[in-house]
Amino acid sequence: MKKYDELKVYCKNTNEYLGIDGGETLIELYESIKPRLDLTGDAVCVLVNNKVEDLHYPVFAPKHIEFIDIISNDGYRAYTRSLCMVLYKALNDLYPGKRLCIQHSISNGHYCQIKHEESILSPEVIEQLKQRMTEIIEADLPFKRRERLTADVIEMFRKQGLKDKVRLHESINQLYTVYYKLDDIVDSFYGPLVPSTGMLKVFDLIPYQEGMLLLGPDRKDITQVAKCVPQPKLFKAFTEYIHFNDIIRVGDVGELNNAVHSGYAALLINVVEALHNKYFIQIADEITRRYHQGGARVVLIAGPSSSGKTTSSKRLAIQLMTNYIVPKVIELDNYFVNRDRTPRDEKGDYDYESLYALDLEQLNKDITDLLAGKEVLMPTYNFKTGQREYLGNKIKLESGDILLMEGIHGLNPELTRNIPDEQKFRVFVSALTTLNIDDHNWIGTYDNRLLRRIIRDHQYRGCAALDTIKRWPSVRRGEDKWIMPFHENADAMFNSSLLFEISAIKNYALPILQQVPNNTPEYAVASRLIKFLNYFEPLDEKDIPSTSLLREFLGGSSFHY
């Protein structure tokens, strides 16, 4: 019997077994069945046994494979990472020795800076870099995946002046390291790249603030470049924290690991917690100032899932009380409409994340009455019966009182449409992660929040990581529809991320993620997060105070939730 008859892979795209000789790369298999695949554009990477790999993956044993395009989240990440390596090569070709820093995602792109004694960035230089990127893409150069002893890879990075990558890989003690070679440069990335530069034709590089913005394809139309959406308030929040990271010299995972190894974790925790407290004080002081000028009678706190809104609300309330202002809390969940009036999502399920799941008329009437000095009977929503009830709970705003509401719709003008803007103070809370893995690998804020949610769901709701990951895309769609379009309406932005938090949650998250079966689609996310967590040296949580926002997820908080 021929080996061809014995060795087969199952292709999910075509729902068939494909015979192979063994040793072929998946890009060879892809080319042979490409006309039969229902993909948007080319395949950019592949799921092998539900784990994301690049198309140069060689097959020597039976596998379950699925070719994925740029429309998928993993495909889009592969495309973006590949663009970043092209940008790095363009900079190295034109300005050798200069340091490229890809800091975070914003305005539908990725914000980049050139770190050097003298700034070289100008519109002309950015245009030169863009032109050189175009030339590299037109040359259709292959991204060559390699794996060697980590000590050898570190020496390659050292010769290229990539001190951040040297620092990272010296701190994580891996025997072998995967890296990519593009012509005359090498680099490493948190995930696979596309097969060659010729697949990256849709991009732009434009001036943005003090740096430049690298834009990939529009997710809704991959033939067009994503449009830059100015987000000055969000950018300012990122910038302030990046400056703080620079001051304390912990801007990437290698530096964080070294701090933990050197015994500075307790000091780092104290400093970072003090920064959080400083921002709570500043926001409370601004609310107080406006309150005494006749405004800011209603404080609205909003943010996406697992951003730490609840702890932020409690800590802000404490700071307001030190300013002699007493918050009276309105629970927005109590304003849900009766279940028979609740909107449904595209699957026919009740959509409690919709703005119109709330009784906006009653909410606005009650707030108006409270601001007028009236006593108001507050509703309670019975989640078992799906009905609103009135149980005798009354509130009235006395002198020195302020209304505080926390919920996902707080920044949406429609929520409090009958309340004058000058009476409102809006706070946006989100985990705007500013710690990078290294100069060319950022940490997605979505991953930070997903890890928080996985731990919280497991700790307090008895929910497995498999189920949390399965629901996450729906959560994200709700955020994109009901929260993210309104964050620039905020009067204040609070960055709830903590520089040390991934090191603190590593030992919580790993065993939960390792329970995700590898025969499920959710394993792709779990395996990616496990790889991510393995970059971090864990730290002992005993030094994290009971008032820390992180305690909302880990447990041990002095606040009642």
Protein backbone atom coordinates (compact mmCIF):
# COMPACT_ATOMS: atom_id res chain seq x y z
CA MET A 1 0.00 0.00 0.00
CA LYS A 2 1.35 3.42 -0.92
CA LYS A 3 2.08 5.95 1.78
CA TYR A 4 -0.34 8.28 -0.06
CA ASP A 5 -3.17 5.93 0.85
CA GLU A 6 -2.22 5.84 4.52
CA LEU A 7 -1.57 9.51 5.32
CA LYS A 8 -4.49 11.89 5.06
CA VAL A 9 -5.56 15.22 6.49
CA TYR A 10 -9.13 16.33 7.01
CA CYS A 11 -9.90 19.75 5.48
CA LYS A 12 -12.82 21.46 7.20
CA ASN A 13 -13.22 23.97 4.36
CA THR A 14 -14.12 21.26 1.84
CA ASN A 15 -15.36 18.62 4.30
CA GLU A 16 -13.09 15.93 2.87
CA TYR A 17 -9.98 13.87 3.56
CA LEU A 18 -6.98 14.75 1.40
CA GLY A 19 -4.19 12.30 0.75
CA ILE A 20 -0.59 13.47 1.15
CA ASP A 21 2.86 11.87 0.91
CA GLY A 22 4.14 13.50 4.09
CA GLY A 23 6.49 16.44 4.43
CA GLU A 24 4.47 18.80 2.23
CA THR A 25 3.77 22.27 3.53
CA LEU A 26 0.17 23.36 3.86
CA ILE A 27 0.68 26.08 1.27
CA GLU A 28 1.33 23.33 -1.29
CA LEU A 29 -1.90 21.62 -0.28
CA TYR A 30 -3.70 24.98 -0.37
CA GLU A 31 -2.60 25.69 -3.94
CA SER A 32 -3.92 22.30 -5.05
CA ILE A 33 -7.44 22.90 -3.71
CA LYS A 34 -7.60 26.71 -3.84
CA PRO A 35 -10.32 26.90 -6.55
CA ARG A 36 -12.67 24.86 -4.34
CA LEU A 37 -12.29 26.99 -1.21
CA ASP A 38 -14.93 29.51 -0.22
CA LEU A 39 -12.65 32.23 1.15
CA THR A 40 -12.63 36.02 0.98
CA GLY A 41 -9.38 36.53 -0.86
CA ASP A 42 -6.39 34.29 -0.21
CA ALA A 43 -5.80 32.08 2.81
CA VAL A 44 -3.36 33.90 5.08
CA CYS A 45 -2.85 31.21 7.74
CA VAL A 46 -4.34 27.89 8.82
CA LEU A 47 -5.82 26.16 11.86
CA VAL A 48 -4.02 22.89 12.47
CA ASN A 49 -5.86 20.81 15.08
CA ASN A 50 -7.54 24.10 16.09
CA LYS A 51 -4.24 25.89 16.64
CA VAL A 52 -3.17 28.80 14.41
CA GLU A 53 -0.13 28.10 12.24
CA ASP A 54 1.39 29.69 9.17
CA LEU A 55 0.99 28.16 5.73
CA HIS A 56 4.58 26.90 5.67
CA TYR A 57 3.65 24.34 8.32
CA PRO A 58 4.92 20.88 7.19
CA VAL A 59 2.61 17.91 7.60
CA PHE A 60 4.02 14.51 8.64
CA ALA A 61 0.96 13.02 10.36
CA PRO A 62 -2.85 13.08 10.09
CA LYS A 63 -4.24 16.54 10.93
CA HIS A 64 -7.47 18.49 11.07
CA ILE A 65 -6.94 21.67 9.06
CA GLU A 66 -8.92 24.77 8.16
CA PHE A 67 -7.59 27.49 5.88
CA ILE A 68 -8.55 30.96 7.11
CA ASP A 69 -8.71 34.32 5.36
CA ILE A 70 -8.24 37.90 6.44
CA ILE A 71 -11.89 38.24 7.50
CA SER A 72 -11.24 36.02 10.53
CA ASN A 73 -9.66 37.54 13.63
CA ASP A 74 -6.64 35.25 13.43
CA GLY A 75 -6.21 35.99 9.73
CA TYR A 76 -6.37 39.73 10.29
CA ARG A 77 -3.78 39.46 13.06
CA ALA A 78 -1.44 37.54 10.73
CA TYR A 79 -1.86 40.21 8.04
CA THR A 80 -1.18 43.03 10.52
CA ARG A 81 1.89 41.35 12.03
CA SER A 82 3.28 40.82 8.52
CA LEU A 83 2.78 44.50 7.68
CA CYS A 84 4.72 45.36 10.84
CA MET A 85 7.69 43.28 9.71
CA VAL A 86 7.58 44.99 6.31
CA LEU A 87 7.62 48.37 8.06
CA TYR A 88 10.59 47.27 10.16
CA LYS A 89 12.48 46.17 7.04
CA ALA A 90 11.66 49.45 5.29
CA LEU A 91 13.04 51.42 8.24
CA ASN A 92 16.12 49.21 8.42
CA ASP A 93 16.74 49.68 4.69
CA LEU A 94 16.38 53.47 4.77
CA TYR A 95 17.56 54.33 8.29
CA PRO A 96 19.59 51.44 9.68
CA GLY A 97 20.01 51.48 13.44
CA LYS A 98 16.79 53.34 14.17
CA ARG A 99 14.36 51.74 16.66
CA LEU A 100 10.78 51.04 15.56
CA CYS A 101 8.19 50.95 18.37
CA ILE A 102 4.69 49.70 17.56
CA GLN A 103 2.89 50.84 20.67
CA HIS A 104 -0.84 50.13 20.52
CA SER A 105 -3.93 49.97 18.32
CA ILE A 106 -5.95 53.15 17.88
CA SER A 107 -8.03 54.93 15.22
CA ASN A 108 -8.44 51.68 13.20
CA GLY A 109 -4.68 51.24 12.93
CA HIS A 110 -1.49 50.80 14.93
CA TYR A 111 0.41 53.74 16.32
CA CYS A 112 4.16 53.64 15.65
CA GLN A 113 7.11 55.77 16.68
CA ILE A 114 10.78 55.90 15.84
CA LYS A 115 12.77 55.99 19.07
CA HIS A 116 16.13 57.68 18.61
CA GLU A 117 18.22 60.44 20.12
CA GLU A 118 16.94 62.74 17.40
CA SER A 119 13.48 62.31 15.95
CA ILE A 120 13.63 61.59 12.23
CA LEU A 121 9.89 61.44 11.64
CA SER A 122 8.40 63.96 9.25
CA PRO A 123 5.71 63.65 6.57
CA GLU A 124 8.49 63.25 4.02
CA VAL A 125 10.16 60.41 5.95
CA ILE A 126 6.82 58.66 6.46
CA GLU A 127 6.16 58.89 2.72
CA GLN A 128 9.63 57.40 2.05
CA LEU A 129 8.87 54.51 4.42
CA LYS A 130 5.52 53.92 2.73
CA GLN A 131 7.16 53.89 -0.70
CA ARG A 132 9.83 51.43 0.46
CA MET A 133 7.10 49.20 1.98
CA THR A 134 5.31 49.24 -1.38
CA GLU A 135 8.52 48.14 -3.13
CA ILE A 136 9.03 45.29 -0.65
CA ILE A 137 5.44 44.16 -1.12
CA GLU A 138 5.69 44.29 -4.92
CA ALA A 139 8.86 42.17 -4.75
CA ASP A 140 6.75 39.39 -3.15
CA LEU A 141 9.50 38.32 -0.75
CA PRO A 142 8.84 35.20 1.35
CA PHE A 143 8.50 35.32 5.14
CA LYS A 144 10.69 32.35 6.10
CA ARG A 145 9.78 30.67 9.36
CA ARG A 146 12.78 29.27 11.26
CA GLU A 147 13.34 27.65 14.63
CA ARG A 148 16.70 27.49 16.38
CA LEU A 149 18.24 27.32 19.82
CA THR A 150 17.18 30.41 21.74
CA ALA A 151 20.82 31.26 22.47
CA ASP A 152 21.49 31.46 18.72
CA VAL A 153 18.38 33.55 18.08
CA ILE A 154 19.33 35.94 20.87
CA GLU A 155 22.70 36.49 19.18
CA MET A 156 20.96 37.28 15.87
CA PHE A 157 18.75 39.83 17.64
CA ARG A 158 21.76 41.29 19.42
CA LYS A 159 23.58 41.83 16.12
CA GLN A 160 20.52 43.67 14.74
CA GLY A 161 20.38 45.91 17.81
CA LEU A 162 17.02 44.49 18.98
CA LYS A 163 17.77 44.89 22.69
CA ASP A 164 14.10 44.47 23.64
CA LYS A 165 13.96 41.01 22.06
CA VAL A 166 17.25 40.03 23.65
CA ARG A 167 15.89 41.09 27.04
CA LEU A 168 12.62 39.21 26.51
CA HIS A 169 14.12 35.92 25.38
CA GLU A 170 16.80 35.96 28.05
CA SER A 171 14.03 36.27 30.66
CA ILE A 172 11.73 33.40 29.60
CA ASN A 173 14.17 30.45 29.48
CA GLN A 174 12.89 28.69 26.36
CA LEU A 175 15.22 26.17 24.72
CA TYR A 176 14.09 26.87 21.15
CA THR A 177 12.65 30.03 19.60
CA VAL A 178 10.67 30.54 16.40
CA TYR A 179 11.67 33.56 14.32
CA TYR A 180 11.03 34.89 10.82
CA LYS A 181 13.51 35.93 8.15
CA LEU A 182 12.62 38.54 5.53
CA ASP A 183 15.47 39.06 3.08
CA ASP A 184 18.33 40.30 5.28
CA ILE A 185 16.51 40.84 8.59
CA VAL A 186 15.10 38.58 11.32
CA ASP A 187 12.28 39.23 13.77
CA SER A 188 9.93 37.33 16.10
CA PHE A 189 6.20 37.69 16.48
CA TYR A 190 3.42 36.59 18.79
CA GLY A 191 1.75 34.47 16.12
CA PRO A 192 2.20 33.44 12.47
CA LEU A 193 2.81 35.63 9.42
CA VAL A 194 1.42 35.35 5.89
CA PRO A 195 3.48 33.39 3.31
CA SER A 196 4.93 36.37 1.43
CA THR A 197 4.89 40.15 1.20
CA GLY A 198 2.92 40.10 -2.06
CA MET A 199 -0.25 39.36 -0.07
CA LEU A 200 -0.08 42.73 1.73
CA LYS A 201 -1.12 45.13 -1.00
CA VAL A 202 -3.82 46.92 1.01
CA PHE A 203 -2.22 49.25 3.57
CA ASP A 204 -1.35 52.85 4.33
CA LEU A 205 1.14 54.70 6.49
CA ILE A 206 0.17 58.22 7.53
CA PRO A 207 1.33 60.88 9.99
CA TYR A 208 -0.52 60.67 13.33
CA GLN A 209 0.12 62.81 16.41
CA GLU A 210 3.88 62.62 17.13
CA GLY A 211 4.33 59.41 15.15
CA MET A 212 2.62 57.51 12.36
CA LEU A 213 -0.36 55.22 11.93
CA LEU A 214 -0.06 51.88 10.13
CA LEU A 215 -3.41 51.03 8.57
CA GLY A 216 -4.47 47.65 7.21
CA PRO A 217 -7.55 46.66 5.23
CA ASP A 218 -11.05 47.67 6.24
CA ARG A 219 -12.65 44.67 7.95
CA LYS A 220 -15.90 45.28 6.04
CA ASP A 221 -14.23 45.70 2.63
CA ILE A 222 -10.75 44.18 2.48
CA THR A 223 -10.05 45.82 -0.89
CA GLN A 224 -10.01 49.23 0.83
CA VAL A 225 -7.72 50.65 3.51
CA ALA A 226 -9.32 51.15 6.90
CA LYS A 227 -10.29 54.77 7.53
CA CYS A 228 -8.48 56.63 10.27
CA VAL A 229 -10.97 57.72 12.94
CA PRO A 230 -9.47 60.46 15.17
CA GLN A 231 -9.57 59.48 18.85
CA PRO A 232 -7.71 62.28 20.68
CA LYS A 233 -9.03 61.50 24.18
CA LEU A 234 -8.20 57.83 23.89
CA PHE A 235 -4.77 58.67 22.49
CA LYS A 236 -4.10 61.02 25.43
CA ALA A 237 -5.00 58.26 27.90
CA PHE A 238 -2.59 55.86 26.19
CA THR A 239 0.17 58.47 26.02
CA GLU A 240 0.01 59.34 29.71
CA TYR A 241 0.48 55.72 30.72
CA ILE A 242 3.27 55.11 28.20
CA HIS A 243 5.09 58.12 29.67
CA PHE A 244 4.63 56.59 33.14
CA ASN A 245 6.07 53.28 31.86
CA ASP A 246 9.09 55.15 30.51
CA ILE A 247 9.65 56.92 33.83
CA ILE A 248 9.67 53.69 35.86
CA ARG A 249 11.54 51.85 33.07
CA VAL A 250 9.01 49.02 32.63
CA GLY A 251 7.72 49.30 29.09
CA ASP A 252 7.90 45.72 27.87
CA VAL A 253 7.60 42.19 29.20
CA GLY A 254 11.37 41.68 29.40
CA GLU A 255 11.69 44.69 31.71
CA LEU A 256 8.73 43.50 33.79
CA ASN A 257 10.23 40.01 34.11
CA ASN A 258 13.55 41.51 35.20
CA ALA A 259 11.77 43.59 37.85
CA VAL A 260 10.10 40.44 39.20
CA HIS A 261 13.38 38.47 39.11
CA SER A 262 15.18 41.28 40.95
CA GLY A 263 12.66 41.41 43.80
CA TYR A 264 11.07 44.74 42.86
CA ALA A 265 7.54 43.38 42.33
CA ALA A 266 6.17 44.76 45.63
CA LEU A 267 7.52 48.24 44.90
CA LEU A 268 6.15 48.11 41.35
CA ILE A 269 2.71 47.12 42.63
CA ASN A 270 2.69 50.00 45.13
CA VAL A 271 3.71 52.56 42.51
CA VAL A 272 1.17 51.38 39.94
CA GLU A 273 -1.64 51.27 42.52
CA ALA A 274 -0.68 54.80 43.58
CA LEU A 275 -1.06 55.94 39.97
CA HIS A 276 -4.58 54.50 39.86
CA ASN A 277 -5.42 56.32 43.08
CA LYS A 278 -4.02 59.55 41.68
CA TYR A 279 -6.35 59.37 38.68
CA PHE A 280 -9.38 58.61 40.86
CA ILE A 281 -8.54 61.71 42.91
CA GLN A 282 -8.13 63.86 39.80
CA ILE A 283 -11.48 62.72 38.35
CA ALA A 284 -13.26 63.25 41.69
CA ASP A 285 -11.74 66.73 42.01
CA GLU A 286 -12.94 67.69 38.51
CA ILE A 287 -16.44 66.40 39.26
CA THR A 288 -16.43 68.39 42.50
CA ARG A 289 -15.31 71.54 40.73
CA ARG A 290 -18.12 71.29 38.20
CA TYR A 291 -20.64 70.35 40.88
CA HIS A 292 -19.93 73.53 42.81
CA GLN A 293 -20.32 75.54 39.60
CA GLY A 294 -23.87 74.22 39.25
CA GLY A 295 -23.18 71.26 36.95
CA ALA A 296 -22.15 67.60 37.21
CA ARG A 297 -25.19 66.43 39.16
CA VAL A 298 -25.17 63.05 37.36
CA VAL A 299 -21.99 60.96 37.01
CA LEU A 300 -22.18 58.30 34.28
CA ILE A 301 -19.55 55.54 34.26
CA ALA A 302 -19.30 53.33 31.18
CA GLY A 303 -16.90 50.87 29.67
CA PRO A 304 -16.65 47.48 27.95
CA SER A 305 -16.81 44.06 29.60
CA SER A 306 -14.25 43.36 32.35
CA SER A 307 -12.89 46.88 32.28
CA GLY A 308 -13.32 47.20 36.04
CA LYS A 309 -16.30 49.57 36.00
CA THR A 310 -17.69 48.32 39.31
CA THR A 311 -14.50 48.83 41.33
CA SER A 312 -13.89 52.13 39.54
CA SER A 313 -17.36 53.31 40.59
CA LYS A 314 -16.74 52.32 44.22
CA ARG A 315 -13.31 53.95 44.41
CA LEU A 316 -14.55 57.10 42.71
CA ALA A 317 -17.46 57.24 45.18
CA ILE A 318 -14.98 57.11 48.07
CA GLN A 319 -12.96 60.00 46.63
CA LEU A 320 -16.13 62.05 46.12
CA MET A 321 -17.03 61.56 49.77
CA THR A 322 -13.62 62.89 50.81
CA ASN A 323 -14.69 66.01 48.87
CA TYR A 324 -17.91 66.16 50.96
CA ILE A 325 -20.10 64.91 48.11
CA VAL A 326 -22.29 61.85 48.73
CA PRO A 327 -23.06 59.62 45.69
CA LYS A 328 -26.55 58.17 45.44
CA VAL A 329 -26.44 55.13 43.16
CA ILE A 330 -28.99 54.28 40.45
CA GLU A 331 -28.74 50.67 39.22
CA LEU A 332 -29.48 50.75 35.49
CA ASP A 333 -30.36 47.04 35.48
CA ASN A 334 -33.49 47.92 37.45
CA TYR A 335 -34.75 49.89 34.45
CA PHE A 336 -34.98 46.90 32.12
CA VAL A 337 -38.30 46.80 30.30
CA ASN A 338 -40.56 43.82 31.03
CA ARG A 339 -39.32 40.71 29.27
CA ASP A 340 -42.07 40.66 26.65
CA ARG A 341 -40.78 44.06 25.44
CA THR A 342 -37.08 43.13 25.48
CA PRO A 343 -35.39 43.38 22.04
CA ARG A 344 -33.99 40.21 20.51
CA ASP A 345 -30.66 39.74 18.74
CA GLU A 346 -30.01 38.20 15.33
CA LYS A 347 -30.27 34.70 16.87
CA GLY A 348 -33.62 35.44 18.47
CA ASP A 349 -32.23 35.59 22.01
CA TYR A 350 -33.07 38.39 24.44
CA ASP A 351 -30.62 41.25 23.85
CA TYR A 352 -30.04 42.74 27.27
CA GLU A 353 -27.07 44.71 25.91
CA SER A 354 -29.31 46.76 23.63
CA LEU A 355 -29.97 50.33 24.74
CA TYR A 356 -33.62 49.66 24.10
CA ALA A 357 -33.72 46.88 26.67
CA LEU A 358 -33.97 49.82 29.11
CA ASP A 359 -37.05 51.92 29.83
CA LEU A 360 -35.52 55.21 28.74
CA GLU A 361 -38.67 57.24 29.36
CA GLN A 362 -39.00 56.13 32.99
CA LEU A 363 -35.27 56.53 33.63
CA ASN A 364 -35.20 60.09 32.31
CA LYS A 365 -38.36 61.00 34.24
CA ASP A 366 -36.92 59.66 37.51
CA ILE A 367 -33.60 61.49 37.03
CA THR A 368 -35.40 64.73 36.15
CA ASP A 369 -37.54 64.44 39.28
CA LEU A 370 -34.52 63.71 41.47
CA LEU A 371 -32.63 66.73 40.10
CA ALA A 372 -35.73 68.82 40.87
CA GLY A 373 -35.51 67.76 44.52
CA LYS A 374 -38.39 65.29 44.47
CA GLU A 375 -38.43 61.96 46.28
CA VAL A 376 -38.63 59.10 43.79
CA LEU A 377 -39.80 55.51 44.21
CA MET A 378 -37.13 53.41 42.53
CA PRO A 379 -37.91 50.25 40.53
CA THR A 380 -36.41 46.79 41.03
CA TYR A 381 -36.15 44.35 38.14
CA ASN A 382 -37.03 40.74 38.95
CA PHE A 383 -34.81 38.61 36.72
CA LYS A 384 -36.79 35.46 37.53
CA THR A 385 -40.16 36.81 36.42
CA GLY A 386 -38.83 39.32 33.89
CA GLN A 387 -41.01 42.02 35.43
CA ARG A 388 -40.37 45.40 37.03
CA GLU A 389 -41.40 45.68 40.69
CA TYR A 390 -41.68 48.52 43.19
CA LEU A 391 -40.65 47.41 46.68
CA GLY A 392 -40.69 50.72 48.54
CA ASN A 393 -37.12 51.81 47.80
CA LYS A 394 -37.15 55.62 47.69
CA ILE A 395 -34.32 58.11 47.17
CA LYS A 396 -34.04 61.86 47.27
CA LEU A 397 -31.09 64.11 46.52
CA GLU A 398 -30.16 66.14 49.57
CA SER A 399 -27.70 69.02 49.64
CA GLY A 400 -24.27 67.65 48.77
CA ASP A 401 -25.66 64.54 47.01
CA ILE A 402 -24.88 63.47 43.46
CA LEU A 403 -26.32 60.72 41.25
CA LEU A 404 -23.92 57.97 40.15
CA MET A 405 -24.83 55.44 37.43
CA GLU A 406 -22.63 52.68 36.08
CA GLY A 407 -23.46 50.74 32.92
CA ILE A 408 -22.39 50.06 29.35
CA HIS A 409 -24.58 52.82 27.86
CA GLY A 410 -23.44 55.68 30.07
CA LEU A 411 -21.73 57.64 27.28
CA ASN A 412 -24.58 57.23 24.80
CA PRO A 413 -26.46 60.56 24.66
CA GLU A 414 -29.72 58.68 24.06
CA LEU A 415 -29.59 57.09 27.53
CA THR A 416 -30.12 60.41 29.32
CA ARG A 417 -31.57 62.36 26.41
CA ASN A 418 -33.79 64.58 28.63
CA ILE A 419 -30.97 65.58 30.99
CA PRO A 420 -29.02 68.74 30.02
CA ASP A 421 -25.39 68.01 29.12
CA GLU A 422 -24.10 70.50 31.67
CA GLN A 423 -25.68 68.37 34.39
CA LYS A 424 -23.72 65.25 33.34
CA PHE A 425 -20.14 64.09 33.88
CA ARG A 426 -19.16 61.07 31.80
CA VAL A 427 -16.32 58.67 32.69
CA PHE A 428 -15.02 56.02 30.27
CA VAL A 429 -13.26 53.06 31.90
CA SER A 430 -11.24 50.53 29.92
CA ALA A 431 -8.08 48.45 30.22
CA LEU A 432 -5.86 50.37 27.78
CA THR A 433 -2.86 48.08 27.92
CA THR A 434 0.40 49.98 27.39
CA LEU A 435 2.86 47.22 28.24
CA ASN A 436 4.29 45.66 25.07
CA ILE A 437 5.73 42.19 24.62
CA ASP A 438 8.58 43.88 22.76
CA ASP A 439 8.98 46.80 20.35
CA HIS A 440 7.18 45.02 17.51
CA ASN A 441 4.56 43.06 19.50
CA TRP A 442 1.84 44.91 21.37
CA ILE A 443 -0.65 43.47 23.85
CA GLY A 444 -4.23 43.76 22.68
CA THR A 445 -6.60 45.40 25.15
CA TYR A 446 -9.22 42.82 24.16
CA ASP A 447 -6.94 39.97 25.30
CA ASN A 448 -6.30 41.71 28.61
CA ARG A 449 -10.05 42.01 29.26
CA LEU A 450 -10.78 38.49 28.02
CA LEU A 451 -8.30 37.06 30.53
CA ARG A 452 -9.97 39.06 33.31
CA ARG A 453 -13.38 37.77 32.26
CA ILE A 454 -12.23 34.14 32.01
CA ILE A 455 -10.93 34.31 35.58
CA ARG A 456 -13.99 36.15 36.93
CA ASP A 457 -16.46 33.80 35.21
CA HIS A 458 -14.62 30.79 36.60
CA GLN A 459 -14.20 32.22 40.11
CA TYR A 460 -17.68 33.63 40.67
CA ARG A 461 -20.01 32.13 38.06
CA GLY A 462 -18.75 28.56 37.76
CA CYS A 463 -18.27 29.12 34.05
CA ALA A 464 -15.60 27.24 32.08
CA ALA A 465 -13.13 29.10 29.86
CA LEU A 466 -14.65 27.27 26.88
CA ASP A 467 -18.00 28.98 27.46
CA THR A 468 -16.49 32.40 28.13
CA ILE A 469 -14.43 32.24 24.93
CA LYS A 470 -17.47 31.02 22.99
CA ARG A 471 -19.52 34.05 24.11
CA TRP A 472 -16.72 36.58 23.66
CA PRO A 473 -17.37 37.37 19.95
CA SER A 474 -20.99 38.25 20.81
CA VAL A 475 -19.80 40.43 23.70
CA ARG A 476 -17.37 42.19 21.39
CA ARG A 477 -20.06 42.83 18.78
CA GLY A 478 -22.24 44.40 21.46
CA GLU A 479 -19.36 46.62 22.59
CA ASP A 480 -18.64 47.76 19.04
CA LYS A 481 -22.29 48.68 18.60
CA TRP A 482 -23.24 50.18 21.96
CA ILE A 483 -20.03 51.37 23.68
CA MET A 484 -17.03 52.10 21.46
CA PRO A 485 -18.74 54.66 19.17
CA PHE A 486 -19.31 56.92 22.18
CA HIS A 487 -16.07 56.84 24.19
CA GLU A 488 -14.88 60.18 22.82
CA ASN A 489 -17.95 61.72 24.54
CA ALA A 490 -16.22 61.14 27.88
CA ASP A 491 -15.27 64.02 30.18
CA ALA A 492 -12.62 61.77 31.73
CA MET A 493 -10.96 58.53 30.71
CA PHE A 494 -9.71 56.09 33.30
CA ASN A 495 -7.20 53.45 32.21
CA SER A 496 -7.96 50.46 34.42
CA SER A 497 -5.00 48.36 33.24
CA LEU A 498 -2.27 47.59 35.74
CA LEU A 499 1.30 47.22 34.54
CA PHE A 500 1.87 44.07 36.61
CA GLU A 501 -1.51 42.40 36.14
CA ILE A 502 -0.69 39.73 33.55
CA SER A 503 2.11 38.47 35.79
CA ALA A 504 -0.35 38.47 38.69
CA ILE A 505 -3.12 36.58 36.88
CA LYS A 506 -0.90 34.09 35.04
CA ASN A 507 -1.17 31.35 37.67
CA TYR A 508 -4.95 31.85 37.83
CA ALA A 509 -5.54 31.82 34.09
CA LEU A 510 -3.25 29.00 32.91
CA PRO A 511 -5.02 26.05 34.60
CA ILE A 512 -8.42 27.40 33.51
CA LEU A 513 -7.30 27.77 29.87
CA GLN A 514 -5.66 24.35 29.87
CA GLN A 515 -9.10 22.80 30.41
CA VAL A 516 -10.30 23.93 26.97
CA PRO A 517 -10.44 20.74 24.81
CA ASN A 518 -8.32 20.82 21.67
CA ASN A 519 -11.18 19.39 19.61
CA THR A 520 -13.16 22.63 19.94
CA PRO A 521 -12.83 25.84 17.87
CA GLU A 522 -12.27 27.78 21.11
CA TYR A 523 -8.94 25.97 21.55
CA ALA A 524 -7.41 28.38 19.01
CA VAL A 525 -7.99 31.28 21.41
CA ALA A 526 -7.00 29.27 24.49
CA SER A 527 -3.71 28.11 22.96
CA ARG A 528 -2.88 31.64 21.83
CA LEU A 529 -3.51 33.01 25.33
CA ILE A 530 -1.45 30.22 26.92
CA LYS A 531 1.47 31.10 24.64
CA PHE A 532 1.02 34.75 25.56
CA LEU A 533 0.99 34.05 29.31
CA ASN A 534 4.17 32.01 29.04
CA TYR A 535 6.09 35.18 28.19
CA PHE A 536 5.48 36.41 31.76
CA GLU A 537 7.26 35.63 34.99
CA PRO A 538 4.50 35.15 37.61
CA LEU A 539 4.50 37.34 40.70
CA ASP A 540 3.08 36.70 44.13
CA GLU A 541 -0.31 38.36 44.57
CA LYS A 542 0.11 38.87 48.34
CA ASP A 543 1.32 42.43 47.82
CA ILE A 544 -1.77 43.44 45.80
CA PRO A 545 -3.95 45.55 48.13
CA SER A 546 -7.56 44.60 48.87
CA THR A 547 -8.75 47.83 47.24
CA SER A 548 -6.98 47.06 43.96
CA LEU A 549 -9.15 46.98 40.86
CA LEU A 550 -7.58 43.61 40.05
CA ARG A 551 -9.24 42.13 43.16
CA GLU A 552 -12.58 42.44 41.35
CA PHE A 553 -11.41 39.49 39.26
CA LEU A 554 -8.98 37.59 41.51
CA GLY A 555 -10.99 37.82 44.72
CA GLY A 556 -9.91 39.13 48.11
CA SER A 557 -11.43 42.58 47.58
CA SER A 558 -12.54 44.72 50.50
CA PHE A 559 -15.45 45.91 48.34
CA HIS A 560 -18.78 44.11 48.19
CA TYR A 561 -19.88 43.13 44.67
